Every structure is written in C-alpha cells, then in structure tokens.
N, C-alpha and C. Protein backbone atom coordinates (compact mmCIF):
# COMPACT_ATOMS: atom_id res chain seq x y z
N MET A 1 224.76 3.72 20.34
CA MET A 1 225.03 3.41 18.95
C MET A 1 225.74 4.60 18.29
N THR A 2 226.67 4.30 17.44
CA THR A 2 227.42 5.37 16.80
C THR A 2 226.85 5.76 15.44
N ILE A 3 225.90 4.98 14.89
CA ILE A 3 225.22 5.32 13.65
C ILE A 3 223.73 5.09 13.82
N ASP A 4 222.90 5.68 12.94
CA ASP A 4 221.47 5.55 13.11
C ASP A 4 220.99 4.14 12.76
N PHE A 5 219.78 3.83 13.20
CA PHE A 5 219.23 2.49 13.09
C PHE A 5 219.15 2.01 11.64
N TYR A 6 218.59 2.83 10.75
CA TYR A 6 218.46 2.42 9.35
C TYR A 6 219.82 2.10 8.74
N THR A 7 220.79 2.95 9.03
CA THR A 7 222.13 2.73 8.47
C THR A 7 222.74 1.44 9.00
N ALA A 8 222.56 1.20 10.29
CA ALA A 8 223.10 -0.02 10.89
C ALA A 8 222.47 -1.26 10.27
N ILE A 9 221.15 -1.24 10.08
CA ILE A 9 220.46 -2.37 9.45
C ILE A 9 220.95 -2.57 8.02
N LYS A 10 221.09 -1.46 7.28
CA LYS A 10 221.52 -1.53 5.88
C LYS A 10 222.94 -2.05 5.75
N GLU A 11 223.81 -1.63 6.65
CA GLU A 11 225.23 -1.98 6.54
C GLU A 11 225.59 -3.28 7.23
N ARG A 12 224.62 -3.88 7.94
CA ARG A 12 224.87 -5.17 8.55
C ARG A 12 224.99 -6.21 7.44
N ARG A 13 226.17 -6.72 7.29
CA ARG A 13 226.47 -7.68 6.24
C ARG A 13 227.29 -8.82 6.82
N SER A 14 227.55 -9.83 5.99
CA SER A 14 228.41 -10.94 6.40
C SER A 14 229.86 -10.59 6.06
N TYR A 15 230.66 -10.39 7.10
CA TYR A 15 232.08 -10.08 6.93
C TYR A 15 232.90 -11.34 7.21
N TYR A 16 233.48 -11.89 6.16
CA TYR A 16 234.29 -13.10 6.31
C TYR A 16 235.75 -12.78 6.56
N GLY A 17 236.17 -11.58 6.21
CA GLY A 17 237.53 -11.14 6.50
C GLY A 17 237.55 -10.34 7.79
N ILE A 18 238.01 -10.94 8.88
CA ILE A 18 238.05 -10.27 10.19
C ILE A 18 239.36 -10.63 10.89
N ASN A 19 239.79 -9.74 11.81
CA ASN A 19 240.94 -10.07 12.63
C ASN A 19 240.70 -9.65 14.08
N LYS A 20 241.71 -9.83 14.91
CA LYS A 20 241.57 -9.61 16.34
C LYS A 20 241.84 -8.17 16.77
N GLU A 21 242.19 -7.30 15.84
CA GLU A 21 242.60 -5.93 16.17
C GLU A 21 241.40 -4.99 16.29
N VAL A 22 240.53 -5.26 17.23
CA VAL A 22 239.32 -4.45 17.39
C VAL A 22 239.60 -3.22 18.25
N GLN A 23 238.84 -2.17 17.98
CA GLN A 23 238.94 -0.93 18.75
C GLN A 23 237.80 -0.82 19.78
N VAL A 24 236.98 -1.83 19.83
CA VAL A 24 235.84 -1.84 20.74
C VAL A 24 236.22 -2.60 22.01
N SER A 25 235.91 -2.03 23.16
CA SER A 25 236.29 -2.65 24.43
C SER A 25 235.43 -3.87 24.75
N ASP A 26 235.98 -4.73 25.60
CA ASP A 26 235.20 -5.88 26.07
C ASP A 26 233.96 -5.42 26.83
N GLU A 27 234.08 -4.28 27.51
CA GLU A 27 232.94 -3.74 28.24
C GLU A 27 231.80 -3.36 27.30
N LYS A 28 232.16 -2.80 26.12
CA LYS A 28 231.14 -2.44 25.14
C LYS A 28 230.49 -3.67 24.55
N ILE A 29 231.28 -4.70 24.28
CA ILE A 29 230.73 -5.95 23.76
C ILE A 29 229.76 -6.55 24.78
N LYS A 30 230.15 -6.53 26.04
CA LYS A 30 229.30 -7.02 27.12
C LYS A 30 227.99 -6.22 27.17
N GLU A 31 228.11 -4.91 27.02
CA GLU A 31 226.92 -4.03 27.02
C GLU A 31 225.97 -4.38 25.89
N ILE A 32 226.51 -4.62 24.70
CA ILE A 32 225.69 -4.98 23.54
C ILE A 32 224.92 -6.27 23.80
N VAL A 33 225.61 -7.28 24.29
CA VAL A 33 224.97 -8.58 24.53
C VAL A 33 223.92 -8.48 25.63
N GLU A 34 224.24 -7.79 26.69
CA GLU A 34 223.29 -7.65 27.79
C GLU A 34 222.06 -6.85 27.35
N PHE A 35 222.27 -5.80 26.56
CA PHE A 35 221.16 -5.01 26.05
C PHE A 35 220.25 -5.87 25.19
N ALA A 36 220.86 -6.66 24.30
CA ALA A 36 220.07 -7.52 23.40
C ALA A 36 219.25 -8.52 24.19
N VAL A 37 219.86 -9.18 25.15
CA VAL A 37 219.16 -10.21 25.92
C VAL A 37 218.03 -9.60 26.76
N LYS A 38 218.25 -8.40 27.26
CA LYS A 38 217.24 -7.76 28.10
C LYS A 38 216.06 -7.21 27.30
N HIS A 39 216.33 -6.63 26.12
CA HIS A 39 215.30 -5.86 25.43
C HIS A 39 214.73 -6.49 24.17
N THR A 40 215.31 -7.58 23.67
CA THR A 40 214.76 -8.22 22.48
C THR A 40 213.48 -8.97 22.84
N PRO A 41 212.41 -8.81 22.05
CA PRO A 41 211.14 -9.45 22.40
C PRO A 41 211.16 -10.96 22.23
N SER A 42 210.22 -11.60 22.91
CA SER A 42 210.05 -13.06 22.80
C SER A 42 208.59 -13.39 23.00
N ALA A 43 208.13 -14.46 22.36
CA ALA A 43 206.73 -14.86 22.46
C ALA A 43 206.37 -15.17 23.91
N PHE A 44 205.22 -14.65 24.36
CA PHE A 44 204.75 -14.84 25.74
C PHE A 44 205.76 -14.31 26.75
N ASN A 45 206.63 -13.40 26.30
CA ASN A 45 207.72 -12.88 27.14
C ASN A 45 208.50 -14.03 27.77
N SER A 46 208.76 -15.06 26.96
CA SER A 46 209.39 -16.27 27.46
C SER A 46 210.84 -16.05 27.91
N GLN A 47 211.51 -15.09 27.26
CA GLN A 47 212.92 -14.80 27.57
C GLN A 47 213.74 -16.10 27.55
N SER A 48 213.54 -16.87 26.49
CA SER A 48 214.16 -18.20 26.38
C SER A 48 215.57 -18.19 25.80
N SER A 49 216.01 -17.06 25.25
CA SER A 49 217.33 -17.03 24.62
C SER A 49 218.44 -17.00 25.65
N ARG A 50 219.52 -17.72 25.35
CA ARG A 50 220.71 -17.78 26.19
C ARG A 50 221.93 -17.54 25.29
N LEU A 51 222.83 -16.70 25.72
CA LEU A 51 224.01 -16.38 24.91
C LEU A 51 225.28 -16.68 25.69
N VAL A 52 226.30 -17.14 24.98
CA VAL A 52 227.63 -17.37 25.55
C VAL A 52 228.61 -16.59 24.69
N VAL A 53 229.41 -15.74 25.33
CA VAL A 53 230.38 -14.91 24.61
C VAL A 53 231.78 -15.47 24.85
N LEU A 54 232.47 -15.76 23.75
CA LEU A 54 233.82 -16.31 23.82
C LEU A 54 234.80 -15.33 23.17
N THR A 55 235.86 -15.00 23.89
CA THR A 55 236.94 -14.20 23.33
C THR A 55 238.27 -14.86 23.72
N GLY A 56 239.35 -14.32 23.19
CA GLY A 56 240.67 -14.85 23.53
C GLY A 56 240.80 -16.32 23.19
N SER A 57 241.42 -17.07 24.11
CA SER A 57 241.67 -18.50 23.86
C SER A 57 240.38 -19.30 23.77
N ALA A 58 239.31 -18.84 24.43
CA ALA A 58 238.03 -19.54 24.36
C ALA A 58 237.46 -19.47 22.94
N HIS A 59 237.58 -18.31 22.32
CA HIS A 59 237.14 -18.15 20.92
C HIS A 59 237.95 -19.08 20.01
N ASP A 60 239.26 -19.08 20.18
CA ASP A 60 240.12 -19.96 19.36
C ASP A 60 239.74 -21.43 19.55
N LYS A 61 239.45 -21.80 20.79
CA LYS A 61 239.09 -23.18 21.11
C LYS A 61 237.81 -23.60 20.38
N LEU A 62 236.84 -22.67 20.29
CA LEU A 62 235.60 -22.99 19.59
C LEU A 62 235.88 -23.43 18.17
N TRP A 63 236.75 -22.71 17.47
CA TRP A 63 236.99 -23.03 16.07
C TRP A 63 237.92 -24.22 15.91
N ASP A 64 238.72 -24.52 16.94
CA ASP A 64 239.47 -25.78 16.94
C ASP A 64 238.51 -26.96 17.08
N ILE A 65 237.54 -26.82 17.97
CA ILE A 65 236.53 -27.87 18.16
C ILE A 65 235.75 -28.09 16.88
N THR A 66 235.36 -26.99 16.24
CA THR A 66 234.58 -27.08 15.01
C THR A 66 235.40 -27.71 13.89
N THR A 67 236.66 -27.31 13.79
CA THR A 67 237.55 -27.88 12.77
C THR A 67 237.69 -29.39 12.94
N GLN A 68 237.89 -29.82 14.18
CA GLN A 68 238.05 -31.25 14.45
C GLN A 68 236.77 -32.02 14.11
N ALA A 69 235.61 -31.43 14.45
CA ALA A 69 234.34 -32.10 14.16
C ALA A 69 234.12 -32.23 12.66
N LEU A 70 234.47 -31.20 11.92
CA LEU A 70 234.29 -31.23 10.48
C LEU A 70 235.29 -32.18 9.81
N ARG A 71 236.52 -32.22 10.31
CA ARG A 71 237.51 -33.16 9.77
C ARG A 71 237.02 -34.60 9.93
N LYS A 72 236.43 -34.87 11.07
CA LYS A 72 235.90 -36.21 11.33
C LYS A 72 234.76 -36.52 10.37
N ALA A 73 233.92 -35.51 10.10
CA ALA A 73 232.78 -35.72 9.21
C ALA A 73 233.21 -35.89 7.76
N VAL A 74 234.24 -35.15 7.36
CA VAL A 74 234.72 -35.20 5.98
C VAL A 74 235.54 -36.46 5.72
N GLY A 75 236.24 -36.92 6.74
CA GLY A 75 237.07 -38.11 6.58
C GLY A 75 238.28 -37.82 5.70
N GLU A 76 238.50 -38.64 4.69
CA GLU A 76 239.67 -38.49 3.83
C GLU A 76 239.45 -37.50 2.68
N GLY A 77 238.30 -36.86 2.63
CA GLY A 77 238.01 -35.92 1.55
C GLY A 77 238.84 -34.65 1.63
N ASP A 78 238.76 -33.85 0.59
CA ASP A 78 239.50 -32.58 0.52
C ASP A 78 238.97 -31.62 1.58
N PHE A 79 239.85 -31.16 2.44
CA PHE A 79 239.46 -30.31 3.57
C PHE A 79 239.96 -28.88 3.41
N SER A 80 240.66 -28.59 2.34
CA SER A 80 241.35 -27.31 2.21
C SER A 80 240.39 -26.12 2.26
N GLY A 81 239.27 -26.20 1.54
CA GLY A 81 238.31 -25.10 1.54
C GLY A 81 237.70 -24.87 2.91
N THR A 82 237.36 -25.97 3.57
CA THR A 82 236.79 -25.88 4.92
C THR A 82 237.81 -25.33 5.90
N GLN A 83 239.07 -25.75 5.76
CA GLN A 83 240.12 -25.26 6.65
C GLN A 83 240.30 -23.75 6.51
N GLN A 84 240.22 -23.24 5.29
CA GLN A 84 240.34 -21.80 5.07
C GLN A 84 239.21 -21.05 5.78
N LYS A 85 238.01 -21.62 5.70
CA LYS A 85 236.86 -20.99 6.35
C LYS A 85 237.04 -21.01 7.87
N MET A 86 237.48 -22.14 8.42
CA MET A 86 237.71 -22.23 9.86
C MET A 86 238.78 -21.24 10.31
N ASP A 87 239.83 -21.12 9.52
CA ASP A 87 240.91 -20.18 9.84
C ASP A 87 240.40 -18.74 9.83
N SER A 88 239.49 -18.44 8.90
CA SER A 88 238.96 -17.07 8.82
C SER A 88 238.11 -16.74 10.03
N PHE A 89 237.36 -17.70 10.54
CA PHE A 89 236.57 -17.46 11.74
C PHE A 89 237.48 -17.33 12.97
N LYS A 90 238.44 -18.20 13.06
CA LYS A 90 239.37 -18.18 14.20
C LYS A 90 240.19 -16.90 14.23
N ALA A 91 240.41 -16.30 13.07
CA ALA A 91 241.18 -15.05 13.00
C ALA A 91 240.48 -13.89 13.67
N GLY A 92 239.17 -14.03 13.91
CA GLY A 92 238.39 -12.97 14.54
C GLY A 92 238.70 -12.79 16.01
N TYR A 93 238.05 -11.81 16.59
CA TYR A 93 238.29 -11.46 17.99
C TYR A 93 237.48 -12.33 18.95
N GLY A 94 236.26 -12.68 18.55
CA GLY A 94 235.41 -13.44 19.45
C GLY A 94 234.28 -14.11 18.72
N SER A 95 233.50 -14.87 19.45
CA SER A 95 232.31 -15.54 18.91
C SER A 95 231.20 -15.48 19.96
N ILE A 96 229.99 -15.30 19.46
CA ILE A 96 228.82 -15.33 20.33
C ILE A 96 228.00 -16.56 19.96
N LEU A 97 227.72 -17.37 20.94
CA LEU A 97 226.92 -18.58 20.74
C LEU A 97 225.49 -18.29 21.18
N PHE A 98 224.54 -18.63 20.31
CA PHE A 98 223.13 -18.41 20.60
C PHE A 98 222.47 -19.75 20.91
N PHE A 99 221.85 -19.80 22.07
CA PHE A 99 221.14 -20.99 22.54
C PHE A 99 219.69 -20.63 22.82
N GLU A 100 218.84 -21.65 22.87
CA GLU A 100 217.49 -21.51 23.38
C GLU A 100 217.31 -22.52 24.52
N ASP A 101 216.71 -22.05 25.61
CA ASP A 101 216.49 -22.89 26.79
C ASP A 101 215.25 -23.74 26.56
N GLU A 102 215.47 -25.02 26.27
CA GLU A 102 214.36 -25.91 25.95
C GLU A 102 213.44 -26.17 27.14
N SER A 103 213.94 -25.98 28.35
CA SER A 103 213.08 -26.17 29.52
C SER A 103 212.01 -25.08 29.58
N VAL A 104 212.35 -23.87 29.13
CA VAL A 104 211.38 -22.78 29.08
C VAL A 104 210.31 -23.10 28.03
N VAL A 105 210.75 -23.58 26.87
CA VAL A 105 209.82 -23.93 25.80
C VAL A 105 208.87 -25.04 26.26
N LYS A 106 209.42 -26.06 26.90
CA LYS A 106 208.60 -27.18 27.38
C LYS A 106 207.58 -26.71 28.42
N SER A 107 208.01 -25.84 29.30
CA SER A 107 207.11 -25.32 30.33
C SER A 107 205.94 -24.57 29.71
N LEU A 108 206.22 -23.77 28.70
CA LEU A 108 205.15 -23.03 28.02
C LEU A 108 204.21 -23.97 27.27
N GLN A 109 204.77 -25.03 26.70
CA GLN A 109 203.93 -26.02 26.02
C GLN A 109 202.96 -26.67 27.00
N GLU A 110 203.43 -26.91 28.21
CA GLU A 110 202.58 -27.53 29.23
C GLU A 110 201.53 -26.56 29.75
N GLN A 111 201.91 -25.28 29.88
CA GLN A 111 200.99 -24.28 30.41
C GLN A 111 199.92 -23.89 29.39
N PHE A 112 200.32 -23.86 28.12
CA PHE A 112 199.41 -23.39 27.07
C PHE A 112 199.33 -24.46 25.98
N ALA A 113 198.64 -25.54 26.29
CA ALA A 113 198.60 -26.71 25.40
C ALA A 113 198.05 -26.39 24.02
N THR A 114 197.16 -25.42 23.93
CA THR A 114 196.57 -25.05 22.64
C THR A 114 197.64 -24.62 21.64
N TYR A 115 198.70 -24.00 22.16
CA TYR A 115 199.77 -23.47 21.30
C TYR A 115 201.04 -24.33 21.35
N ALA A 116 200.93 -25.53 21.87
CA ALA A 116 202.12 -26.35 22.13
C ALA A 116 203.01 -26.51 20.90
N ASP A 117 202.40 -26.75 19.74
CA ASP A 117 203.19 -26.97 18.53
C ASP A 117 203.90 -25.71 18.06
N ASN A 118 203.41 -24.56 18.49
CA ASN A 118 204.00 -23.29 18.03
C ASN A 118 205.20 -22.83 18.84
N PHE A 119 205.30 -23.27 20.09
CA PHE A 119 206.37 -22.73 20.94
C PHE A 119 207.78 -23.01 20.43
N PRO A 120 208.08 -24.20 19.87
CA PRO A 120 209.41 -24.38 19.29
C PRO A 120 209.68 -23.44 18.12
N ILE A 121 208.64 -23.16 17.33
CA ILE A 121 208.78 -22.23 16.21
C ILE A 121 209.03 -20.83 16.74
N TRP A 122 208.25 -20.42 17.72
CA TRP A 122 208.42 -19.08 18.30
C TRP A 122 209.78 -18.95 18.98
N SER A 123 210.27 -20.04 19.54
CA SER A 123 211.59 -20.03 20.16
C SER A 123 212.67 -19.72 19.11
N GLN A 124 212.57 -20.35 17.95
CA GLN A 124 213.51 -20.08 16.86
C GLN A 124 213.42 -18.62 16.41
N GLN A 125 212.20 -18.11 16.33
CA GLN A 125 212.02 -16.71 15.95
C GLN A 125 212.65 -15.78 16.98
N THR A 126 212.49 -16.12 18.24
CA THR A 126 213.10 -15.33 19.31
C THR A 126 214.62 -15.31 19.16
N SER A 127 215.20 -16.47 18.90
CA SER A 127 216.65 -16.53 18.70
C SER A 127 217.07 -15.69 17.51
N GLY A 128 216.30 -15.77 16.42
CA GLY A 128 216.62 -14.97 15.23
C GLY A 128 216.61 -13.49 15.52
N MET A 129 215.66 -13.03 16.33
CA MET A 129 215.62 -11.61 16.69
C MET A 129 216.84 -11.23 17.52
N HIS A 130 217.24 -12.08 18.43
CA HIS A 130 218.45 -11.81 19.21
C HIS A 130 219.67 -11.73 18.31
N GLN A 131 219.74 -12.64 17.35
CA GLN A 131 220.88 -12.64 16.43
C GLN A 131 220.94 -11.33 15.65
N LEU A 132 219.80 -10.87 15.16
CA LEU A 132 219.78 -9.63 14.39
C LEU A 132 220.15 -8.42 15.25
N VAL A 133 219.63 -8.36 16.46
CA VAL A 133 219.95 -7.23 17.34
C VAL A 133 221.44 -7.19 17.64
N VAL A 134 222.02 -8.32 18.01
CA VAL A 134 223.45 -8.36 18.32
C VAL A 134 224.28 -8.02 17.09
N TRP A 135 223.94 -8.65 15.97
CA TRP A 135 224.69 -8.45 14.71
C TRP A 135 224.67 -6.98 14.30
N THR A 136 223.48 -6.35 14.37
CA THR A 136 223.34 -4.95 13.99
C THR A 136 224.09 -4.04 14.96
N ALA A 137 224.04 -4.35 16.24
CA ALA A 137 224.75 -3.55 17.23
C ALA A 137 226.26 -3.64 17.05
N LEU A 138 226.75 -4.84 16.72
CA LEU A 138 228.18 -4.99 16.42
C LEU A 138 228.56 -4.15 15.20
N GLU A 139 227.71 -4.19 14.17
CA GLU A 139 227.93 -3.39 12.97
C GLU A 139 227.99 -1.90 13.31
N ALA A 140 227.09 -1.46 14.17
CA ALA A 140 227.05 -0.05 14.56
C ALA A 140 228.32 0.40 15.25
N GLU A 141 229.04 -0.55 15.84
CA GLU A 141 230.32 -0.23 16.51
C GLU A 141 231.51 -0.44 15.59
N GLY A 142 231.25 -0.74 14.32
CA GLY A 142 232.34 -0.91 13.36
C GLY A 142 232.93 -2.30 13.30
N LEU A 143 232.25 -3.27 13.90
CA LEU A 143 232.73 -4.65 13.88
C LEU A 143 232.06 -5.44 12.75
N GLY A 144 232.75 -6.44 12.26
CA GLY A 144 232.19 -7.31 11.23
C GLY A 144 231.88 -8.67 11.82
N ALA A 145 230.81 -9.30 11.32
CA ALA A 145 230.41 -10.61 11.85
C ALA A 145 229.73 -11.43 10.75
N THR A 146 229.62 -12.72 11.00
CA THR A 146 228.81 -13.61 10.17
C THR A 146 228.00 -14.50 11.10
N LEU A 147 227.02 -15.17 10.53
CA LEU A 147 226.23 -16.12 11.31
C LEU A 147 226.48 -17.51 10.76
N GLN A 148 226.89 -18.41 11.64
CA GLN A 148 227.26 -19.77 11.26
C GLN A 148 226.39 -20.79 11.98
N HIS A 149 226.30 -21.99 11.39
CA HIS A 149 225.45 -23.04 11.97
C HIS A 149 226.18 -24.38 11.87
N TYR A 150 227.05 -24.65 12.83
CA TYR A 150 227.77 -25.92 12.86
C TYR A 150 227.18 -26.87 13.89
N ASN A 151 226.04 -26.51 14.42
CA ASN A 151 225.28 -27.41 15.26
C ASN A 151 224.51 -28.37 14.36
N PRO A 152 224.29 -29.61 14.70
CA PRO A 152 224.60 -30.21 16.01
C PRO A 152 225.98 -30.87 16.09
N LEU A 153 226.81 -30.72 15.04
CA LEU A 153 228.12 -31.40 15.05
C LEU A 153 228.96 -31.06 16.28
N ILE A 154 228.84 -29.81 16.75
CA ILE A 154 229.73 -29.37 17.83
C ILE A 154 229.04 -29.27 19.18
N ASP A 155 227.76 -29.60 19.23
CA ASP A 155 226.98 -29.35 20.45
C ASP A 155 227.58 -29.97 21.70
N ASP A 156 227.87 -31.25 21.64
CA ASP A 156 228.33 -31.95 22.84
C ASP A 156 229.66 -31.39 23.35
N GLU A 157 230.59 -31.15 22.44
CA GLU A 157 231.90 -30.63 22.84
C GLU A 157 231.79 -29.22 23.40
N VAL A 158 230.94 -28.40 22.80
CA VAL A 158 230.74 -27.02 23.27
C VAL A 158 230.16 -27.05 24.69
N LYS A 159 229.16 -27.88 24.90
CA LYS A 159 228.55 -27.94 26.23
C LYS A 159 229.54 -28.45 27.27
N LYS A 160 230.34 -29.40 26.89
CA LYS A 160 231.34 -29.95 27.81
C LYS A 160 232.42 -28.92 28.13
N GLU A 161 232.91 -28.23 27.09
CA GLU A 161 234.02 -27.29 27.26
C GLU A 161 233.64 -26.10 28.14
N TRP A 162 232.42 -25.58 27.98
CA TRP A 162 232.04 -24.37 28.70
C TRP A 162 230.90 -24.61 29.69
N ASN A 163 230.72 -25.85 30.09
CA ASN A 163 229.77 -26.19 31.15
C ASN A 163 228.38 -25.61 30.86
N VAL A 164 227.94 -25.77 29.64
CA VAL A 164 226.63 -25.27 29.22
C VAL A 164 225.54 -26.24 29.67
N PRO A 165 224.47 -25.75 30.28
CA PRO A 165 223.40 -26.64 30.74
C PRO A 165 222.85 -27.51 29.61
N SER A 166 222.48 -28.72 29.94
CA SER A 166 222.03 -29.68 28.93
C SER A 166 220.73 -29.24 28.25
N ASN A 167 219.93 -28.41 28.94
CA ASN A 167 218.66 -27.96 28.36
C ASN A 167 218.80 -26.76 27.43
N TRP A 168 220.03 -26.25 27.25
CA TRP A 168 220.28 -25.17 26.30
C TRP A 168 220.57 -25.79 24.94
N LYS A 169 219.79 -25.43 23.93
CA LYS A 169 219.98 -25.95 22.58
C LYS A 169 220.74 -24.92 21.74
N LEU A 170 221.86 -25.37 21.16
CA LEU A 170 222.67 -24.47 20.34
C LEU A 170 221.96 -24.20 19.02
N ILE A 171 221.84 -22.92 18.68
CA ILE A 171 221.14 -22.51 17.46
C ILE A 171 222.10 -21.96 16.42
N ALA A 172 223.07 -21.13 16.84
CA ALA A 172 223.95 -20.48 15.86
C ALA A 172 225.22 -19.98 16.54
N GLN A 173 226.22 -19.71 15.70
CA GLN A 173 227.49 -19.17 16.17
C GLN A 173 227.80 -17.91 15.36
N MET A 174 228.26 -16.86 16.04
CA MET A 174 228.54 -15.60 15.37
C MET A 174 229.98 -15.14 15.64
N PRO A 175 230.92 -15.51 14.76
CA PRO A 175 232.28 -14.98 14.90
C PRO A 175 232.30 -13.51 14.49
N PHE A 176 233.08 -12.71 15.23
CA PHE A 176 233.14 -11.28 14.92
C PHE A 176 234.56 -10.76 15.15
N GLY A 177 234.83 -9.62 14.55
CA GLY A 177 236.14 -9.00 14.72
C GLY A 177 236.24 -7.73 13.91
N ASN A 178 237.46 -7.25 13.78
CA ASN A 178 237.73 -6.07 12.99
C ASN A 178 237.67 -6.43 11.51
N PRO A 179 236.82 -5.75 10.71
CA PRO A 179 236.72 -6.10 9.29
C PRO A 179 238.03 -5.84 8.54
N THR A 180 238.45 -6.81 7.75
CA THR A 180 239.65 -6.65 6.93
C THR A 180 239.33 -6.70 5.45
N ALA A 181 238.10 -7.03 5.09
CA ALA A 181 237.67 -7.07 3.70
C ALA A 181 236.19 -6.74 3.65
N GLN A 182 235.79 -5.99 2.65
CA GLN A 182 234.40 -5.59 2.50
C GLN A 182 233.60 -6.68 1.78
N PRO A 183 232.34 -6.86 2.18
CA PRO A 183 231.50 -7.83 1.45
C PRO A 183 231.17 -7.31 0.06
N GLY A 184 230.82 -8.21 -0.84
CA GLY A 184 230.46 -7.82 -2.20
C GLY A 184 229.09 -7.16 -2.24
N ASP A 185 228.72 -6.71 -3.43
CA ASP A 185 227.41 -6.09 -3.60
C ASP A 185 226.32 -7.10 -3.31
N LYS A 186 225.23 -6.59 -2.75
CA LYS A 186 224.10 -7.45 -2.41
C LYS A 186 222.98 -7.23 -3.42
N GLU A 187 222.43 -8.31 -3.93
CA GLU A 187 221.33 -8.22 -4.89
C GLU A 187 220.00 -8.27 -4.15
N PHE A 188 219.05 -7.47 -4.61
CA PHE A 188 217.74 -7.41 -3.98
C PHE A 188 216.66 -7.79 -4.98
N LYS A 189 215.77 -8.68 -4.58
CA LYS A 189 214.61 -9.01 -5.40
C LYS A 189 213.64 -7.83 -5.34
N PRO A 190 212.83 -7.64 -6.38
CA PRO A 190 211.91 -6.49 -6.43
C PRO A 190 210.98 -6.45 -5.21
N LEU A 191 210.90 -5.29 -4.59
CA LEU A 191 210.06 -5.15 -3.41
C LEU A 191 208.59 -5.37 -3.73
N GLU A 192 208.17 -5.00 -4.97
CA GLU A 192 206.76 -5.17 -5.31
C GLU A 192 206.35 -6.64 -5.35
N ASP A 193 207.34 -7.54 -5.45
CA ASP A 193 207.04 -8.97 -5.40
C ASP A 193 207.03 -9.51 -3.97
N ARG A 194 207.42 -8.68 -3.03
CA ARG A 194 207.62 -9.15 -1.65
C ARG A 194 206.74 -8.45 -0.62
N ILE A 195 206.12 -7.35 -1.02
CA ILE A 195 205.32 -6.56 -0.10
C ILE A 195 204.00 -6.18 -0.76
N LYS A 196 202.91 -6.19 0.01
CA LYS A 196 201.62 -5.70 -0.46
C LYS A 196 201.11 -4.66 0.52
N PHE A 197 200.55 -3.57 0.00
CA PHE A 197 199.98 -2.52 0.82
C PHE A 197 198.48 -2.37 0.52
N TYR A 198 197.69 -2.23 1.56
CA TYR A 198 196.25 -2.03 1.39
C TYR A 198 195.79 -0.94 2.37
N LYS A 199 194.70 -0.29 1.99
CA LYS A 199 194.09 0.68 2.93
C LYS A 199 192.60 0.76 2.70
C-alpha cells in the first residue's frame, strides 16, 4: 500500500469521472484482487466470494451488455441520462465483478441447519467486506472506483459471455480507472447518534 490504512479508508470515495490512462500495472491489480480474496474474512471461513476481473475489450463489453439490458428495460423512454452513466463506466480501465458461490452457502445450510437462515445474510456480508477491501486497495494505489448493482438485469448475459458457473450469484460491479474528477464533499451524520460506548 502506498498510503496508510486510515487515509485509504477516508479517501475511498465514489469516483464517477475515470479514464483508461492508469499508472498501475495489471500485475498490481491482480495482486490486489488475489490479496483480497485470500485474506478477507468470511463466516465459518466459507470463502464463498468469487471475483471476475475485466479489462480491455472485456471491460467495454460489460458496459455494452449493461447498456443493452437497460435500453430494453426503459423501452421508448428517455435514455440520455442512463447513457451518460454507462459511458462514464465504460470510459474506465476495468471492472471487477463480485459473485457469491451459492453452492457453498447451500452446503453450509445443510451442515449447520440451526443457522440455515443466516448463511445467505452472512454471504452478503462476506461479499461486502471483499468489496470494501478491493475498493480501498484500489484507492491506495491512486485509482478511482464506484460500486454498481445492475444485477439481475445482466446476470444471464454476463454468465454466458465469460463462462461463469451457474452457481455463482452476481452481487455487484466495480468499474475503476484513473480519476478525472474529484467527488464532492461528503456529509456525515453525528457520531454520537451512531455509536455508544460503555465500560
């Protein structure tokens, strides 16, 4: 990491202005993703998270697929705002797709029936932790990213295009790239309304 943990967490923001001119190598991006998948915790050490990294034409294809799915959903309605958003994501260098392996979740439900209802919830929490680790690590390298959720509209096409196993459930998409615009100021609700301390 090129900056300390607190700074990386603080500066991790949603960057909607990104381009393909990154100074970070593909090897470093691979290292970030592998580190996150290996070391991010999961309930019962399930290791249920699955990630797919798309760069180059594969990244562009993802946002073409998403654009087509949204055009179909919108029909004859005004698409200009959505098109601008799709173009901004496609302008980035790459996208990371976050999945959860439902076969792992099902297996744990069968093994530990007492907690069966909780495993899908814990699976989502596991994915969220992976998303934060990757997002923060990208920030630490000077990259900008956002977290998007166009599932389930794009699920079938994504699985078909990149031969994703049917038991992998798409949770989120993270386009990233070189930041070209800074995010606005972030408002914070009072901490005293959100935290309690006792001793």
